[in-house]
Amino acid sequence: MHASQGRSAGLGLALASAFAFGGSGVAAKPLIEAGLDPLHVVWLRVAGAALVMLPVAWRHRDLLRRRPALLAGFGLLAVAGVQACYFAAISRIPVGVALLIEYLAPALVLGWVRFVQRRPVTRAAALGVVLAVGGLACVVEVWSGLSFDAVGLLLALGAACCQVGYFVLSDQGGDGSQPADPLGVIAYGLLFGTIVLTVVARPWGMDWSVLAGGADMGGTMAPAWLLLGWVVLIATVLAYVTGVISVRRLSPQVAGVVACLEAVIATVLAWVLLKEHLSAPQILGGAVVLLGAFIAQSSAPKAPSGPVAGSEQVVPEGELSAGRTTT
């Protein structure tokens, strides 16, 4: 696959992942309002997705021997860590504040690339992050719920760090002479995540009868099991699959900026499906996030002497055939 074609495909997958992840809230919120505990919804989401991916896990069972640390790290950080830290954070600070801090992840990814991997980052990628974070502040209307709970802020920052782990580990899974199949990584990540979340959520106390009833979705009653199916199949399985593959075709920092669209998509879907109000600053903020994502993904700096984060580079033909087109 040509580098530019691979990048375009990666961008399409990143957008699909953002849409899939962004649609989780509009399906999960009615379930929570119907009587399910938020942590129980998270457990159902991850455990259901792990069950769907069991055949894939069996097919790639050799990964347990070859890449056990990668699988455990993905499950702990990219699956369980993000969810647990975020829900713990919103129990102490406003949702908008927690969401904004969590989506500082693209900026933290740039820091990882610059100071840990010691690679330069493009100005376009940095500008894209600044615009995306500023736009997100408007989307979540952070000024309407400022609250400084130290523990809550640390938990939200923990969610951001776990999201960094998602992007970095997704990229590292494609390294080496025998890259880890992304579907196998996701399958085992969901299994490890289920184990961790089972301890945290304690699903044996769940009110299972809620799933047999209906849930109010913007004035329309929808079957609870149908909403759960959406959360499991679209907002989790499809979202993780497209997200991990997109990171390998783009780069962690570019995919991270595009992922900021998730918050915008979630806000718009809540406006359309749940009849939640969308203000002028939120609309403006969404446009700024889109601009930031566009600038970051379309960056094409002058050819450097070494690899540059957020830019395309020439790679061996064999590596292109494996689906990796950029760093």
Protein backbone atom coordinates (compact mmCIF):
# COMPACT_ATOMS: atom_id res chain seq x y z
CA MET A 1 0.00 0.00 0.00
CA HIS A 2 1.31 3.45 -0.93
CA ALA A 3 2.20 5.68 2.05
CA SER A 4 -0.40 8.35 1.19
CA GLN A 5 -3.09 5.69 0.71
CA GLY A 6 -2.18 4.12 4.02
CA ARG A 7 -2.39 7.51 5.73
CA SER A 8 -5.81 8.20 4.19
CA ALA A 9 -7.04 4.79 5.29
CA GLY A 10 -5.66 5.44 8.76
CA LEU A 11 -7.45 8.76 8.97
CA GLY A 12 -10.72 7.12 7.92
CA LEU A 13 -10.29 4.45 10.59
CA ALA A 14 -9.45 7.08 13.23
CA LEU A 15 -12.63 8.99 12.36
CA ALA A 16 -14.66 5.77 12.48
CA SER A 17 -13.18 5.00 15.90
CA ALA A 18 -14.04 8.51 17.17
CA PHE A 19 -17.63 8.13 15.95
CA ALA A 20 -17.94 4.68 17.53
CA PHE A 21 -16.47 5.75 20.87
CA GLY A 22 -18.49 8.97 20.78
CA GLY A 23 -21.73 7.02 20.43
CA SER A 24 -21.24 5.14 23.68
CA GLY A 25 -22.60 7.89 25.92
CA VAL A 26 -25.97 8.28 24.20
CA ALA A 27 -26.60 4.54 24.61
CA ALA A 28 -25.11 4.17 28.09
CA LYS A 29 -26.83 7.17 29.70
CA PRO A 30 -30.38 5.78 29.24
CA LEU A 31 -29.22 2.49 30.80
CA ILE A 32 -27.83 4.36 33.80
CA GLU A 33 -31.03 6.41 34.15
CA ALA A 34 -33.01 3.16 33.95
CA GLY A 35 -31.32 1.92 37.10
CA LEU A 36 -27.90 0.45 36.26
CA ASP A 37 -24.85 1.62 38.19
CA PRO A 38 -22.31 3.40 35.91
CA LEU A 39 -19.57 0.94 36.83
CA HIS A 40 -21.89 -1.95 36.03
CA VAL A 41 -22.51 -0.47 32.58
CA VAL A 42 -18.74 -0.28 32.06
CA TRP A 43 -18.34 -3.90 33.16
CA LEU A 44 -21.13 -5.05 30.82
CA ARG A 45 -19.50 -3.10 28.00
CA VAL A 46 -16.03 -4.59 28.43
CA ALA A 47 -17.11 -8.10 29.42
CA GLY A 48 -19.58 -8.29 26.54
CA ALA A 49 -16.92 -7.18 24.08
CA ALA A 50 -14.45 -9.71 25.53
CA LEU A 51 -17.04 -12.45 25.03
CA VAL A 52 -17.53 -11.43 21.39
CA MET A 53 -13.76 -11.45 20.83
CA LEU A 54 -13.15 -14.86 22.48
CA PRO A 55 -12.80 -16.70 19.14
CA VAL A 56 -10.20 -14.11 18.09
CA ALA A 57 -8.33 -14.58 21.37
CA TRP A 58 -8.21 -18.35 20.81
CA ARG A 59 -6.93 -17.88 17.26
CA HIS A 60 -4.10 -15.63 18.49
CA ARG A 61 -3.34 -17.52 21.69
CA ASP A 62 0.38 -17.52 20.80
CA LEU A 63 0.39 -13.83 21.79
CA LEU A 64 0.18 -14.89 25.43
CA ARG A 65 3.62 -16.41 25.03
CA ARG A 66 5.14 -13.82 22.68
CA ARG A 67 3.79 -10.50 24.04
CA PRO A 68 2.37 -11.03 27.56
CA ALA A 69 3.49 -7.60 28.82
CA LEU A 70 1.85 -5.82 25.86
CA LEU A 71 -1.45 -7.64 26.40
CA ALA A 72 -1.51 -7.05 30.16
CA GLY A 73 -0.56 -3.39 29.70
CA PHE A 74 -3.24 -2.84 27.08
CA GLY A 75 -5.89 -4.43 29.28
CA LEU A 76 -4.81 -2.56 32.40
CA LEU A 77 -4.30 0.89 30.82
CA ALA A 78 -6.23 1.11 27.54
CA VAL A 79 -9.32 -0.78 28.73
CA ALA A 80 -9.72 -0.85 32.52
CA GLY A 81 -7.59 2.13 33.52
CA VAL A 82 -9.27 4.74 31.34
CA GLN A 83 -12.76 3.62 32.34
CA ALA A 84 -12.14 3.23 36.08
CA CYS A 85 -10.20 6.49 36.49
CA TYR A 86 -12.72 8.49 34.48
CA PHE A 87 -15.77 7.23 36.37
CA ALA A 88 -13.98 7.71 39.70
CA ALA A 89 -13.06 11.25 38.63
CA ILE A 90 -16.60 12.30 37.67
CA SER A 91 -17.79 11.17 41.09
CA ARG A 92 -15.70 14.03 42.55
CA ILE A 93 -15.45 16.74 39.85
CA PRO A 94 -17.77 17.95 37.07
CA VAL A 95 -17.98 15.80 33.94
CA GLY A 96 -16.78 18.63 31.70
CA VAL A 97 -13.64 19.19 33.77
CA ALA A 98 -12.86 15.47 33.88
CA LEU A 99 -13.40 15.09 30.14
CA LEU A 100 -11.15 18.06 29.33
CA ILE A 101 -8.33 16.71 31.51
CA GLU A 102 -8.69 13.21 30.03
CA TYR A 103 -8.33 14.65 26.54
CA LEU A 104 -5.05 16.26 27.44
CA ALA A 105 -3.76 12.85 26.30
CA PRO A 106 -2.70 14.06 22.81
CA ALA A 107 -0.51 16.72 24.45
CA LEU A 108 0.96 14.09 26.76
CA VAL A 109 1.62 11.84 23.76
CA LEU A 110 3.63 14.66 22.17
CA GLY A 111 5.57 14.96 25.42
CA TRP A 112 6.25 11.22 25.39
CA VAL A 113 7.52 11.37 21.81
CA ARG A 114 9.66 14.47 22.43
CA PHE A 115 11.19 13.72 25.84
CA VAL A 116 11.03 9.92 26.23
CA GLN A 117 11.54 8.74 22.66
CA ARG A 118 13.69 11.86 22.02
CA ARG A 119 12.18 12.54 18.61
CA PRO A 120 11.27 16.05 17.37
CA VAL A 121 7.61 16.90 16.87
CA THR A 122 6.18 19.01 14.08
CA ARG A 123 4.81 22.47 14.76
CA ALA A 124 1.59 21.47 12.99
CA ALA A 125 1.07 18.56 15.38
CA ALA A 126 1.69 20.82 18.38
CA LEU A 127 -0.66 23.50 17.01
CA GLY A 128 -3.31 20.85 16.35
CA VAL A 129 -3.13 19.72 19.98
CA VAL A 130 -3.42 23.30 21.30
CA LEU A 131 -6.47 23.99 19.11
CA ALA A 132 -8.09 20.66 19.95
CA VAL A 133 -7.72 21.15 23.71
CA GLY A 134 -8.96 24.75 23.47
CA GLY A 135 -11.94 23.64 21.41
CA LEU A 136 -12.71 20.88 23.90
CA ALA A 137 -12.81 23.44 26.70
CA CYS A 138 -15.66 25.11 24.81
CA VAL A 139 -17.41 21.84 23.93
CA VAL A 140 -17.58 20.69 27.56
CA GLU A 141 -18.19 24.29 28.77
CA VAL A 142 -15.50 23.84 31.39
CA TRP A 143 -16.14 27.31 32.86
CA SER A 144 -19.62 26.29 34.02
CA GLY A 145 -18.39 23.66 36.43
CA LEU A 146 -14.98 24.59 37.74
CA SER A 147 -14.23 22.59 40.86
CA PHE A 148 -10.82 21.94 42.33
CA ASP A 149 -10.91 18.61 44.11
CA ALA A 150 -7.29 17.44 44.21
CA VAL A 151 -8.15 13.74 44.22
CA GLY A 152 -10.68 14.15 41.41
CA LEU A 153 -8.19 16.07 39.28
CA LEU A 154 -5.53 13.41 39.87
CA LEU A 155 -7.97 10.67 38.86
CA ALA A 156 -8.85 12.55 35.66
CA LEU A 157 -5.15 12.97 34.94
CA GLY A 158 -4.79 9.23 35.56
CA ALA A 159 -7.41 8.64 32.86
CA ALA A 160 -5.40 10.85 30.50
CA CYS A 161 -2.22 8.90 31.23
CA CYS A 162 -4.04 5.62 30.62
CA GLN A 163 -5.26 7.00 27.31
CA VAL A 164 -1.65 7.79 26.42
CA GLY A 165 -0.94 4.13 27.15
CA TYR A 166 -3.67 3.20 24.67
CA PHE A 167 -2.02 5.14 21.83
CA VAL A 168 1.57 4.17 22.68
CA LEU A 169 0.83 0.46 23.18
CA SER A 170 -1.32 0.35 20.04
CA ASP A 171 1.68 1.65 18.10
CA GLN A 172 4.25 -0.57 19.80
CA GLY A 173 2.20 -3.67 19.02
CA GLY A 174 3.22 -3.27 15.39
CA ASP A 175 6.96 -3.12 16.12
CA GLY A 176 9.44 -5.92 15.71
CA SER A 177 9.96 -8.69 13.20
CA GLN A 178 6.76 -10.39 14.38
CA PRO A 179 4.21 -7.60 15.01
CA ALA A 180 1.30 -8.45 17.26
CA ASP A 181 -1.95 -8.78 15.36
CA PRO A 182 -4.16 -5.81 16.40
CA LEU A 183 -7.25 -8.01 16.75
CA GLY A 184 -5.38 -10.35 19.09
CA VAL A 185 -4.13 -7.42 21.19
CA ILE A 186 -7.65 -6.05 21.50
CA ALA A 187 -9.15 -9.45 22.35
CA TYR A 188 -6.71 -10.13 25.18
CA GLY A 189 -6.78 -6.51 26.31
CA LEU A 190 -10.55 -6.82 26.77
CA LEU A 191 -10.10 -10.09 28.68
CA PHE A 192 -7.50 -8.58 31.02
CA GLY A 193 -9.67 -5.48 31.38
CA THR A 194 -12.68 -7.60 32.31
CA ILE A 195 -10.72 -9.28 35.09
CA VAL A 196 -9.64 -5.93 36.55
CA LEU A 197 -13.09 -4.35 36.22
CA THR A 198 -14.77 -7.37 37.81
CA VAL A 199 -12.84 -6.62 41.00
CA VAL A 200 -13.73 -2.91 40.82
CA ALA A 201 -17.38 -3.09 39.69
CA ARG A 202 -18.48 -6.28 41.56
CA PRO A 203 -21.17 -7.17 39.00
CA TRP A 204 -22.75 -9.83 41.21
CA GLY A 205 -24.70 -7.00 42.85
CA MET A 206 -26.12 -5.75 39.54
CA ASP A 207 -29.86 -5.36 38.92
CA TRP A 208 -30.05 -7.62 35.86
CA SER A 209 -33.81 -7.07 35.47
CA VAL A 210 -33.10 -3.61 33.99
CA LEU A 211 -31.81 -5.27 30.82
CA ALA A 212 -35.18 -6.93 30.25
CA GLY A 213 -37.02 -3.61 30.26
CA GLY A 214 -36.87 -0.37 28.33
CA ALA A 215 -34.87 2.84 28.63
CA ASP A 216 -35.90 6.40 27.80
CA MET A 217 -33.86 7.76 24.89
CA GLY A 218 -34.86 11.36 24.32
CA GLY A 219 -38.55 10.66 24.88
CA THR A 220 -38.57 7.36 22.98
CA MET A 221 -38.50 4.04 24.79
CA ALA A 222 -35.81 1.69 23.49
CA PRO A 223 -35.13 -1.92 24.57
CA ALA A 224 -32.33 -1.92 27.13
CA TRP A 225 -30.74 -4.98 25.55
CA LEU A 226 -30.58 -3.19 22.19
CA LEU A 227 -28.78 -0.22 23.73
CA LEU A 228 -26.36 -2.59 25.45
CA GLY A 229 -25.75 -4.34 22.13
CA TRP A 230 -24.82 -1.00 20.58
CA VAL A 231 -22.43 -0.21 23.45
CA VAL A 232 -20.75 -3.61 23.18
CA LEU A 233 -20.55 -4.15 19.42
CA ILE A 234 -20.20 -0.62 18.04
CA ALA A 235 -18.88 1.56 20.87
CA THR A 236 -16.39 -1.05 22.10
CA VAL A 237 -15.50 -3.82 19.63
CA LEU A 238 -15.66 -1.68 16.47
CA ALA A 239 -14.22 1.36 18.25
CA TYR A 240 -11.14 -0.46 19.57
CA VAL A 241 -10.51 -2.36 16.32
CA THR A 242 -10.61 0.74 14.13
CA GLY A 243 -8.74 2.78 16.74
CA VAL A 244 -5.78 0.42 17.16
CA ILE A 245 -5.38 -0.11 13.42
CA SER A 246 -5.56 3.64 12.80
CA VAL A 247 -2.72 4.29 15.28
CA ARG A 248 -0.52 1.84 13.37
CA ARG A 249 -1.31 3.50 10.03
CA LEU A 250 -0.92 7.07 11.31
CA SER A 251 1.06 7.71 14.49
CA PRO A 252 0.08 7.90 18.18
CA GLN A 253 0.13 11.71 18.27
CA VAL A 254 -1.88 12.26 15.07
CA ALA A 255 -4.43 9.59 15.97
CA GLY A 256 -4.67 11.14 19.43
CA VAL A 257 -5.66 14.55 18.06
CA VAL A 258 -8.28 12.99 15.76
CA ALA A 259 -9.61 11.10 18.77
CA CYS A 260 -10.50 14.46 20.35
CA LEU A 261 -13.44 14.45 17.94
CA GLU A 262 -15.01 11.82 20.19
CA ALA A 263 -16.11 14.48 22.67
CA VAL A 264 -17.56 16.61 19.88
CA ILE A 265 -19.41 13.64 18.38
CA ALA A 266 -20.74 12.62 21.79
CA THR A 267 -22.05 16.15 22.38
CA VAL A 268 -23.75 16.33 18.97
CA LEU A 269 -25.31 12.88 19.32
CA ALA A 270 -26.62 13.82 22.78
CA TRP A 271 -28.16 16.93 21.22
CA VAL A 272 -29.84 14.97 18.42
CA LEU A 273 -30.85 11.74 20.20
CA LEU A 274 -31.20 12.77 23.84
CA LYS A 275 -32.50 16.30 23.14
CA GLU A 276 -29.70 17.87 25.16
CA HIS A 277 -29.07 21.57 24.49
CA LEU A 278 -26.12 22.57 22.31
CA SER A 279 -24.91 26.13 22.94
CA ALA A 280 -23.09 28.51 20.62
CA PRO A 281 -19.72 28.08 22.44
CA GLN A 282 -20.06 24.30 22.06
CA ILE A 283 -20.67 24.64 18.32
CA LEU A 284 -17.70 26.99 18.00
CA GLY A 285 -15.54 24.66 20.11
CA GLY A 286 -16.46 21.71 17.91
CA ALA A 287 -15.34 23.65 14.84
CA VAL A 288 -12.02 24.47 16.53
CA VAL A 289 -11.46 20.80 17.42
CA LEU A 290 -12.11 19.87 13.79
CA LEU A 291 -9.60 22.49 12.68
CA GLY A 292 -7.00 21.21 15.14
CA ALA A 293 -7.48 17.62 13.99
CA PHE A 294 -7.19 18.68 10.33
CA ILE A 295 -3.98 20.63 10.91
CA ALA A 296 -2.37 17.78 12.87
CA GLN A 297 -3.23 15.01 10.40
CA SER A 298 -2.31 17.01 7.29
CA SER A 299 1.09 18.13 8.51
CA ALA A 300 3.79 17.58 5.93
CA PRO A 301 6.99 19.23 7.15
CA LYS A 302 10.28 19.42 5.29
CA ALA A 303 12.20 16.19 5.20
CA PRO A 304 14.21 15.91 8.43
CA SER A 305 17.49 14.15 9.06
CA GLY A 306 15.69 11.66 11.32
CA PRO A 307 12.15 10.51 12.07
CA VAL A 308 9.77 13.30 13.02
CA ALA A 309 6.65 12.72 15.04
CA GLY A 310 3.45 13.47 13.22
CA SER A 311 4.95 13.29 9.74
CA GLU A 312 5.26 10.75 6.97
CA GLN A 313 8.52 9.01 6.30
CA VAL A 314 9.83 6.49 3.80
CA VAL A 315 9.77 2.95 5.12
CA PRO A 316 10.85 -0.35 3.62
CA GLU A 317 8.42 -1.99 1.24
CA GLY A 318 8.10 -5.03 3.49
CA GLU A 319 7.02 -2.86 6.39
CA LEU A 320 4.42 -1.15 4.24
CA SER A 321 2.97 -4.52 3.35
CA ALA A 322 2.51 -5.20 7.03
CA GLY A 323 0.26 -2.14 7.28
CA ARG A 324 2.68 0.38 8.84
CA THR A 325 3.21 3.56 6.87
CA THR A 326 4.47 6.05 9.45
CA THR A 327 6.19 6.07 12.81
